[in-house]
C-alpha atoms as a PDB file:
ATOM      1  CA  MET A   1      13.665 -16.515  -9.151  1.00  0.00           C
ATOM      2  CA  ASN A   2      10.603 -14.513  -7.622  1.00  0.00           C
ATOM      3  CA  ASP A   3      10.774 -14.926  -3.945  1.00  0.00           C
ATOM      4  CA  MET A   4       7.076 -14.625  -3.102  1.00  0.00           C
ATOM      5  CA  VAL A   5       7.887 -13.954   0.686  1.00  0.00           C
ATOM      6  CA  ASN A   6      10.603 -11.492   0.933  1.00  0.00           C
ATOM      7  CA  SER A   7      10.595  -9.696  -2.300  1.00  0.00           C
ATOM      8  CA  PRO A   8       8.024 -10.485  -4.871  1.00  0.00           C
ATOM      9  CA  ASN A   9       8.213  -8.911  -8.243  1.00  0.00           C
ATOM     10  CA  HIS A  10       5.096  -6.517  -7.523  1.00  0.00           C
ATOM     11  CA  TYR A  11       6.816  -5.359  -4.289  1.00  0.00           C
ATOM     12  CA  THR A  12       9.836  -3.794  -6.440  1.00  0.00           C
ATOM     13  CA  ALA A  13       8.011  -2.449  -9.559  1.00  0.00           C
ATOM     14  CA  GLY A  14       9.041   1.106 -10.065  1.00  0.00           C
ATOM     15  CA  GLY A  15      12.545   0.230  -8.470  1.00  0.00           C
ATOM     16  CA  ILE A  16      11.836   0.873  -4.933  1.00  0.00           C
ATOM     17  CA  GLU A  17      10.080  -1.266  -2.396  1.00  0.00           C
ATOM     18  CA  THR A  18       6.854   0.221  -1.122  1.00  0.00           C
ATOM     19  CA  ILE A  19       7.880  -0.499   2.527  1.00  0.00           C
ATOM     20  CA  ASP A  20      10.926   1.479   2.080  1.00  0.00           C
ATOM     21  CA  TYR A  21       8.845   4.413   0.862  1.00  0.00           C
ATOM     22  CA  ILE A  22       5.984   3.940   3.757  1.00  0.00           C
ATOM     23  CA  GLU A  23       8.856   4.130   6.310  1.00  0.00           C
ATOM     24  CA  ALA A  24      10.818   6.917   4.746  1.00  0.00           C
ATOM     25  CA  LYS A  25       7.577   8.921   4.974  1.00  0.00           C
ATOM     26  CA  GLU A  26       6.808   7.854   8.409  1.00  0.00           C
ATOM     27  CA  LEU A  27       3.233   6.827   7.490  1.00  0.00           C
ATOM     28  CA  ASN A  28       0.713   5.289   9.962  1.00  0.00           C
ATOM     29  CA  PHE A  29      -0.670   1.689   9.492  1.00  0.00           C
ATOM     30  CA  HIS A  30      -3.702   2.755   7.686  1.00  0.00           C
ATOM     31  CA  LEU A  31      -1.966   5.356   5.407  1.00  0.00           C
ATOM     32  CA  GLY A  32       0.879   2.951   4.572  1.00  0.00           C
ATOM     33  CA  ASN A  33      -1.732   0.211   3.664  1.00  0.00           C
ATOM     34  CA  ALA A  34      -3.275   2.812   1.392  1.00  0.00           C
ATOM     35  CA  VAL A  35      -0.007   3.426  -0.051  1.00  0.00           C
ATOM     36  CA  LYS A  36       0.727  -0.340  -0.532  1.00  0.00           C
ATOM     37  CA  TYR A  37      -2.665  -1.077  -2.363  1.00  0.00           C
ATOM     38  CA  ILE A  38      -2.295   1.777  -4.798  1.00  0.00           C
ATOM     39  CA  SER A  39       1.463   1.291  -5.511  1.00  0.00           C
ATOM     40  CA  ARG A  40       0.988  -2.689  -6.325  1.00  0.00           C
ATOM     41  CA  ALA A  41      -2.537  -2.363  -7.673  1.00  0.00           C
ATOM     42  CA  LYS A  42      -1.649  -2.487 -11.475  1.00  0.00           C
ATOM     43  CA  HIS A  43       0.949  -5.469 -10.931  1.00  0.00           C
ATOM     44  CA  LYS A  44      -1.413  -7.950  -9.154  1.00  0.00           C
ATOM     45  CA  GLY A  45      -4.415  -8.387 -11.329  1.00  0.00           C
ATOM     46  CA  SER A  46      -7.000  -7.106  -9.087  1.00  0.00           C
ATOM     47  CA  TYR A  47      -6.674  -3.405 -10.018  1.00  0.00           C
ATOM     48  CA  ILE A  48     -10.200  -2.142  -8.980  1.00  0.00           C
ATOM     49  CA  GLN A  49     -10.352  -4.203  -5.899  1.00  0.00           C
ATOM     50  CA  ASP A  50      -6.886  -2.850  -4.526  1.00  0.00           C
ATOM     51  CA  LEU A  51      -7.978   0.750  -5.282  1.00  0.00           C
ATOM     52  CA  GLU A  52     -11.216   0.205  -3.016  1.00  0.00           C
ATOM     53  CA  LYS A  53      -9.166  -1.366  -0.271  1.00  0.00           C
ATOM     54  CA  ALA A  54      -6.910   1.983  -0.501  1.00  0.00           C
ATOM     55  CA  ILE A  55     -10.058   4.023  -0.002  1.00  0.00           C
ATOM     56  CA  TRP A  56     -11.201   1.835   2.819  1.00  0.00           C
ATOM     57  CA  TYR A  57      -7.868   2.586   4.554  1.00  0.00           C
ATOM     58  CA  ILE A  58      -8.111   6.244   3.777  1.00  0.00           C
ATOM     59  CA  SER A  59     -11.717   6.331   5.098  1.00  0.00           C
ATOM     60  CA  ARG A  60     -10.389   4.686   8.330  1.00  0.00           C
ATOM     61  CA  ALA A  61      -7.589   7.161   8.676  1.00  0.00           C
ATOM     62  CA  ILE A  62     -10.100  10.115   8.320  1.00  0.00           C
ATOM     63  CA  GLU A  63     -12.654   8.435  10.789  1.00  0.00           C
ATOM     64  CA  GLN A  64      -9.743   8.338  13.461  1.00  0.00           C
ATOM     65  CA  GLU A  65      -8.291  11.777  12.753  1.00  0.00           C
ATOM     66  CA  THR A  66     -12.075  13.292  13.325  1.00  0.00           C
ATOM     67  CA  LYS A  67     -12.280  11.294  16.745  1.00  0.00           C
ATOM     68  CA  LYS A  68      -9.415  13.308  18.163  1.00  0.00           C
END
């Protein structure tokens, strides 16, 4: 059964949950979300939209870095 709250199928595609990778690499919110959208894009049905969301989060990360 597909648990849409705790472990949807698209969360574990490829054998690892995206959250585990994000935490292991100690990514901040913006970069973690970019990785999330990239890694799940082909499994949710909105590939281009998810890649655009990833770009948006990466752009925000760059913007914040340039303000430091």
